[in-house]
Amino acid sequence: MSAEMDALVANATQKLEALEAALYGLEQVRGKFTTEDGAVTVEVNSEGALVGLSLSEAVTSMAPADVSQLIVWACRQASEDAGAQRSKVVATLNESFAPAPGGAAGAVGGGPDSA
C-alpha cells in the first residue's frame, strides 16, 4: 500500500508543479509589435492589456486619426502574439496532464472494481 500511496503523492506533486509552472509562464507572457516604419511599438500582457507604448517622432507628421488607427492595429498584432504564447503555455500544461501510454493519468493499482 505504501508504494501506491507514494506513486499517488508523486503524481499529485508533479501535476501541482506543472500547474505552478503554467501560472508562472502565463504571468511572463508579453506580446510585442513594432510597425514596419518603426513609428509605433506596443507591448501587451497575457490578457492583451496595453503595458507599453512607444511612439517615434515620425507620428508628429501624421494625422491623429491615422496614429490612433496604427496604435490599435499594433495592439491587435501584439495581442495575437501574446495569444500564441499563451496557447503554448496551456499546451504544455495539457501535455503534463495527458494520460500516460498504457493507462490513465494518475491511475494507481487496478480498475474501479479492484479491492
N, C-alpha and C. Protein backbone atom coordinates (compact mmCIF):
# COMPACT_ATOMS: atom_id res chain seq x y z
N MET A 1 0.82 -1.20 0.00
CA MET A 1 0.00 0.00 0.00
C MET A 1 0.86 1.25 0.00
N SER A 2 2.00 1.22 0.66
CA SER A 2 2.88 2.38 0.73
C SER A 2 3.39 2.78 -0.66
N ALA A 3 3.71 1.80 -1.50
CA ALA A 3 4.19 2.11 -2.85
C ALA A 3 3.10 2.81 -3.66
N GLU A 4 1.86 2.36 -3.50
CA GLU A 4 0.75 3.00 -4.20
C GLU A 4 0.55 4.44 -3.72
N MET A 5 0.65 4.65 -2.42
CA MET A 5 0.49 5.99 -1.85
C MET A 5 1.63 6.89 -2.32
N ASP A 6 2.85 6.36 -2.34
CA ASP A 6 3.99 7.13 -2.82
C ASP A 6 3.79 7.54 -4.27
N ALA A 7 3.29 6.62 -5.09
CA ALA A 7 3.05 6.92 -6.51
C ALA A 7 1.96 7.97 -6.65
N LEU A 8 0.93 7.89 -5.85
CA LEU A 8 -0.16 8.85 -5.89
C LEU A 8 0.33 10.25 -5.48
N VAL A 9 1.11 10.32 -4.42
CA VAL A 9 1.66 11.60 -3.96
C VAL A 9 2.61 12.19 -5.01
N ALA A 10 3.44 11.34 -5.59
CA ALA A 10 4.38 11.80 -6.62
C ALA A 10 3.62 12.34 -7.83
N ASN A 11 2.56 11.66 -8.22
CA ASN A 11 1.75 12.11 -9.36
C ASN A 11 1.09 13.45 -9.06
N ALA A 12 0.54 13.58 -7.87
CA ALA A 12 -0.12 14.83 -7.49
C ALA A 12 0.90 15.97 -7.42
N THR A 13 2.08 15.69 -6.90
CA THR A 13 3.14 16.69 -6.82
C THR A 13 3.57 17.13 -8.21
N GLN A 14 3.70 16.19 -9.11
CA GLN A 14 4.10 16.50 -10.48
C GLN A 14 3.06 17.41 -11.15
N LYS A 15 1.79 17.11 -10.94
CA LYS A 15 0.73 17.91 -11.55
C LYS A 15 0.67 19.31 -10.93
N LEU A 16 0.89 19.41 -9.64
CA LEU A 16 0.92 20.71 -8.98
C LEU A 16 2.08 21.55 -9.52
N GLU A 17 3.23 20.93 -9.69
CA GLU A 17 4.39 21.65 -10.24
C GLU A 17 4.12 22.12 -11.67
N ALA A 18 3.44 21.28 -12.45
CA ALA A 18 3.11 21.66 -13.83
C ALA A 18 2.13 22.84 -13.83
N LEU A 19 1.18 22.82 -12.92
CA LEU A 19 0.23 23.92 -12.82
C LEU A 19 0.92 25.22 -12.38
N GLU A 20 1.81 25.12 -11.41
CA GLU A 20 2.55 26.30 -10.96
C GLU A 20 3.42 26.86 -12.08
N ALA A 21 4.05 25.97 -12.84
CA ALA A 21 4.88 26.41 -13.97
C ALA A 21 4.02 27.11 -15.02
N ALA A 22 2.83 26.61 -15.26
CA ALA A 22 1.93 27.23 -16.24
C ALA A 22 1.48 28.61 -15.76
N LEU A 23 1.15 28.72 -14.50
CA LEU A 23 0.74 30.02 -13.96
C LEU A 23 1.88 31.03 -14.07
N TYR A 24 3.08 30.59 -13.76
CA TYR A 24 4.24 31.47 -13.89
C TYR A 24 4.45 31.85 -15.35
N GLY A 25 4.34 30.87 -16.23
CA GLY A 25 4.51 31.12 -17.66
C GLY A 25 3.50 32.11 -18.19
N LEU A 26 2.26 32.01 -17.73
CA LEU A 26 1.22 32.95 -18.17
C LEU A 26 1.51 34.37 -17.69
N GLU A 27 2.08 34.48 -16.49
CA GLU A 27 2.43 35.80 -15.98
C GLU A 27 3.55 36.44 -16.80
N GLN A 28 4.41 35.61 -17.40
CA GLN A 28 5.56 36.11 -18.15
C GLN A 28 5.22 36.48 -19.60
N VAL A 29 4.05 36.10 -20.07
CA VAL A 29 3.68 36.35 -21.47
C VAL A 29 3.63 37.85 -21.73
N ARG A 30 4.30 38.25 -22.80
CA ARG A 30 4.26 39.62 -23.28
C ARG A 30 4.24 39.59 -24.80
N GLY A 31 3.22 40.18 -25.37
CA GLY A 31 3.16 40.30 -26.82
C GLY A 31 3.72 41.66 -27.20
N LYS A 32 4.54 41.68 -28.22
CA LYS A 32 5.16 42.94 -28.62
C LYS A 32 5.07 43.06 -30.14
N PHE A 33 4.83 44.27 -30.60
CA PHE A 33 4.78 44.50 -32.04
C PHE A 33 5.26 45.91 -32.34
N THR A 34 6.06 46.01 -33.40
CA THR A 34 6.53 47.29 -33.91
C THR A 34 6.13 47.39 -35.37
N THR A 35 5.56 48.52 -35.74
CA THR A 35 5.16 48.73 -37.13
C THR A 35 6.41 48.74 -38.02
N GLU A 36 6.21 48.43 -39.29
CA GLU A 36 7.34 48.34 -40.22
C GLU A 36 8.18 49.60 -40.26
N ASP A 37 7.52 50.75 -40.17
CA ASP A 37 8.26 52.01 -40.22
C ASP A 37 8.84 52.40 -38.86
N GLY A 38 8.55 51.61 -37.83
CA GLY A 38 9.08 51.88 -36.50
C GLY A 38 8.38 53.01 -35.77
N ALA A 39 7.29 53.51 -36.32
CA ALA A 39 6.59 54.64 -35.71
C ALA A 39 5.92 54.27 -34.40
N VAL A 40 5.41 53.04 -34.31
CA VAL A 40 4.66 52.61 -33.13
C VAL A 40 5.19 51.26 -32.66
N THR A 41 5.44 51.17 -31.37
CA THR A 41 5.79 49.90 -30.73
C THR A 41 4.85 49.74 -29.54
N VAL A 42 4.21 48.60 -29.45
CA VAL A 42 3.32 48.34 -28.31
C VAL A 42 3.71 47.02 -27.66
N GLU A 43 3.38 46.93 -26.39
CA GLU A 43 3.57 45.70 -25.63
C GLU A 43 2.31 45.45 -24.83
N VAL A 44 1.82 44.21 -24.87
CA VAL A 44 0.63 43.84 -24.12
C VAL A 44 0.96 42.68 -23.20
N ASN A 45 0.18 42.56 -22.13
CA ASN A 45 0.38 41.43 -21.22
C ASN A 45 -0.39 40.21 -21.70
N SER A 46 -0.42 39.17 -20.90
CA SER A 46 -1.04 37.91 -21.32
C SER A 46 -2.54 38.05 -21.55
N GLU A 47 -3.15 39.07 -20.99
CA GLU A 47 -4.59 39.29 -21.18
C GLU A 47 -4.87 40.26 -22.32
N GLY A 48 -3.82 40.75 -22.96
CA GLY A 48 -3.99 41.68 -24.07
C GLY A 48 -4.08 43.14 -23.65
N ALA A 49 -3.85 43.41 -22.36
CA ALA A 49 -3.88 44.79 -21.89
C ALA A 49 -2.58 45.50 -22.26
N LEU A 50 -2.69 46.71 -22.70
CA LEU A 50 -1.54 47.50 -23.10
C LEU A 50 -0.69 47.83 -21.88
N VAL A 51 0.59 47.44 -21.93
CA VAL A 51 1.51 47.73 -20.83
C VAL A 51 2.69 48.58 -21.29
N GLY A 52 2.81 48.80 -22.60
CA GLY A 52 3.88 49.63 -23.10
C GLY A 52 3.53 50.23 -24.45
N LEU A 53 3.84 51.50 -24.63
CA LEU A 53 3.57 52.19 -25.90
C LEU A 53 4.72 53.14 -26.16
N SER A 54 5.30 53.00 -27.34
CA SER A 54 6.38 53.88 -27.74
C SER A 54 6.06 54.44 -29.12
N LEU A 55 6.15 55.76 -29.23
CA LEU A 55 5.87 56.43 -30.49
C LEU A 55 7.14 57.14 -30.93
N SER A 56 7.51 56.98 -32.19
CA SER A 56 8.67 57.69 -32.71
C SER A 56 8.25 59.10 -33.11
N GLU A 57 9.21 59.90 -33.39
CA GLU A 57 8.92 61.27 -33.78
C GLU A 57 8.16 61.34 -35.11
N ALA A 58 8.21 60.25 -35.87
CA ALA A 58 7.52 60.21 -37.16
C ALA A 58 6.02 60.43 -37.03
N VAL A 59 5.45 60.09 -35.88
CA VAL A 59 4.00 60.25 -35.71
C VAL A 59 3.58 61.71 -35.69
N THR A 60 4.52 62.62 -35.46
CA THR A 60 4.16 64.05 -35.41
C THR A 60 3.77 64.59 -36.77
N SER A 61 4.18 63.87 -37.82
CA SER A 61 3.82 64.32 -39.16
C SER A 61 2.59 63.60 -39.69
N MET A 62 1.98 62.78 -38.87
CA MET A 62 0.80 62.01 -39.28
C MET A 62 -0.46 62.63 -38.69
N ALA A 63 -1.57 62.35 -39.34
CA ALA A 63 -2.86 62.80 -38.81
C ALA A 63 -3.18 62.01 -37.54
N PRO A 64 -3.76 62.66 -36.53
CA PRO A 64 -4.08 61.97 -35.28
C PRO A 64 -4.93 60.70 -35.50
N ALA A 65 -5.87 60.75 -36.42
CA ALA A 65 -6.72 59.57 -36.69
C ALA A 65 -5.87 58.42 -37.23
N ASP A 66 -4.89 58.74 -38.05
CA ASP A 66 -4.01 57.70 -38.59
C ASP A 66 -3.14 57.09 -37.50
N VAL A 67 -2.66 57.94 -36.60
CA VAL A 67 -1.83 57.45 -35.49
C VAL A 67 -2.67 56.54 -34.60
N SER A 68 -3.88 56.94 -34.30
CA SER A 68 -4.73 56.11 -33.43
C SER A 68 -5.03 54.77 -34.08
N GLN A 69 -5.30 54.76 -35.38
CA GLN A 69 -5.55 53.50 -36.08
C GLN A 69 -4.32 52.62 -36.07
N LEU A 70 -3.15 53.22 -36.23
CA LEU A 70 -1.90 52.48 -36.22
C LEU A 70 -1.66 51.86 -34.84
N ILE A 71 -1.96 52.61 -33.79
CA ILE A 71 -1.80 52.10 -32.43
C ILE A 71 -2.73 50.92 -32.20
N VAL A 72 -3.99 51.07 -32.59
CA VAL A 72 -4.96 49.99 -32.40
C VAL A 72 -4.54 48.75 -33.20
N TRP A 73 -4.10 48.94 -34.42
CA TRP A 73 -3.65 47.82 -35.25
C TRP A 73 -2.45 47.13 -34.62
N ALA A 74 -1.49 47.92 -34.12
CA ALA A 74 -0.30 47.35 -33.48
C ALA A 74 -0.70 46.57 -32.22
N CYS A 75 -1.67 47.09 -31.47
CA CYS A 75 -2.15 46.39 -30.27
C CYS A 75 -2.77 45.05 -30.65
N ARG A 76 -3.51 45.02 -31.73
CA ARG A 76 -4.14 43.78 -32.19
C ARG A 76 -3.05 42.75 -32.55
N GLN A 77 -2.01 43.21 -33.24
CA GLN A 77 -0.92 42.29 -33.61
C GLN A 77 -0.19 41.78 -32.38
N ALA A 78 0.07 42.66 -31.42
CA ALA A 78 0.74 42.24 -30.20
C ALA A 78 -0.13 41.28 -29.40
N SER A 79 -1.44 41.50 -29.40
CA SER A 79 -2.36 40.60 -28.70
C SER A 79 -2.37 39.21 -29.33
N GLU A 80 -2.27 39.16 -30.65
CA GLU A 80 -2.18 37.86 -31.33
C GLU A 80 -0.90 37.14 -30.94
N ASP A 81 0.18 37.88 -30.83
CA ASP A 81 1.45 37.30 -30.39
C ASP A 81 1.31 36.75 -28.97
N ALA A 82 0.71 37.53 -28.08
CA ALA A 82 0.52 37.09 -26.70
C ALA A 82 -0.38 35.85 -26.65
N GLY A 83 -1.41 35.84 -27.50
CA GLY A 83 -2.32 34.68 -27.55
C GLY A 83 -1.59 33.42 -27.98
N ALA A 84 -0.69 33.54 -28.93
CA ALA A 84 0.09 32.38 -29.37
C ALA A 84 0.99 31.89 -28.25
N GLN A 85 1.58 32.82 -27.51
CA GLN A 85 2.43 32.42 -26.38
C GLN A 85 1.60 31.73 -25.29
N ARG A 86 0.41 32.28 -25.02
CA ARG A 86 -0.48 31.66 -24.03
C ARG A 86 -0.85 30.25 -24.44
N SER A 87 -1.13 30.07 -25.72
CA SER A 87 -1.51 28.75 -26.23
C SER A 87 -0.40 27.74 -26.01
N LYS A 88 0.85 28.15 -26.19
CA LYS A 88 1.98 27.25 -25.95
C LYS A 88 2.07 26.84 -24.49
N VAL A 89 1.86 27.81 -23.59
CA VAL A 89 1.91 27.51 -22.16
C VAL A 89 0.81 26.52 -21.79
N VAL A 90 -0.39 26.75 -22.28
CA VAL A 90 -1.52 25.86 -21.98
C VAL A 90 -1.32 24.48 -22.60
N ALA A 91 -0.76 24.42 -23.81
CA ALA A 91 -0.50 23.13 -24.45
C ALA A 91 0.50 22.33 -23.63
N THR A 92 1.52 22.99 -23.11
CA THR A 92 2.49 22.30 -22.26
C THR A 92 1.82 21.77 -21.00
N LEU A 93 0.94 22.57 -20.42
CA LEU A 93 0.20 22.12 -19.23
C LEU A 93 -0.67 20.92 -19.57
N ASN A 94 -1.38 20.99 -20.69
CA ASN A 94 -2.24 19.88 -21.09
C ASN A 94 -1.45 18.60 -21.31
N GLU A 95 -0.26 18.72 -21.88
CA GLU A 95 0.59 17.55 -22.09
C GLU A 95 0.97 16.89 -20.76
N SER A 96 1.19 17.71 -19.75
CA SER A 96 1.58 17.15 -18.45
C SER A 96 0.42 16.43 -17.77
N PHE A 97 -0.81 16.74 -18.19
CA PHE A 97 -1.98 16.07 -17.62
C PHE A 97 -2.51 14.95 -18.50
N ALA A 98 -1.87 14.73 -19.64
CA ALA A 98 -2.32 13.68 -20.57
C ALA A 98 -2.06 12.32 -19.96
N PRO A 99 -2.92 11.36 -20.27
CA PRO A 99 -2.72 10.00 -19.75
C PRO A 99 -1.40 9.43 -20.26
N ALA A 100 -0.75 8.71 -19.39
CA ALA A 100 0.48 8.03 -19.78
C ALA A 100 0.13 6.89 -20.73
N PRO A 101 1.01 6.58 -21.68
CA PRO A 101 0.73 5.46 -22.60
C PRO A 101 0.48 4.17 -21.80
N GLY A 102 -0.59 3.52 -22.15
CA GLY A 102 -0.90 2.25 -21.49
C GLY A 102 -1.72 2.37 -20.23
N GLY A 103 -2.20 3.58 -19.92
CA GLY A 103 -3.01 3.69 -18.72
C GLY A 103 -3.53 5.10 -18.55
N ALA A 104 -4.41 5.26 -17.60
CA ALA A 104 -5.00 6.55 -17.34
C ALA A 104 -4.03 7.39 -16.52
N ALA A 105 -4.12 8.69 -16.67
CA ALA A 105 -3.27 9.59 -15.91
C ALA A 105 -3.59 9.46 -14.42
N GLY A 106 -2.57 9.26 -13.66
CA GLY A 106 -2.76 9.17 -12.23
C GLY A 106 -3.36 7.87 -11.75
N ALA A 107 -3.57 6.91 -12.63
CA ALA A 107 -4.14 5.65 -12.21
C ALA A 107 -3.13 4.89 -11.37
N VAL A 108 -3.57 4.47 -10.22
CA VAL A 108 -2.71 3.71 -9.33
C VAL A 108 -3.41 2.41 -9.01
N GLY A 109 -2.79 1.30 -9.35
CA GLY A 109 -3.25 -0.03 -8.96
C GLY A 109 -4.66 -0.41 -9.35
N GLY A 110 -4.91 -0.97 -10.46
CA GLY A 110 -6.17 -1.63 -10.79
C GLY A 110 -7.29 -0.72 -11.24
N GLY A 111 -8.42 -1.36 -11.50
CA GLY A 111 -9.58 -0.65 -12.00
C GLY A 111 -10.53 -0.27 -10.89
N PRO A 112 -11.71 0.23 -11.25
CA PRO A 112 -12.65 0.71 -10.24
C PRO A 112 -13.22 -0.41 -9.37
N ASP A 113 -13.20 -1.66 -9.86
CA ASP A 113 -13.76 -2.76 -9.08
C ASP A 113 -12.70 -3.51 -8.29
N SER A 114 -11.45 -3.10 -8.39
CA SER A 114 -10.41 -3.82 -7.65
C SER A 114 -10.45 -3.41 -6.19
N ALA A 115 -10.11 -4.32 -5.34
CA ALA A 115 -10.19 -4.03 -3.91
C ALA A 115 -8.83 -3.94 -3.28
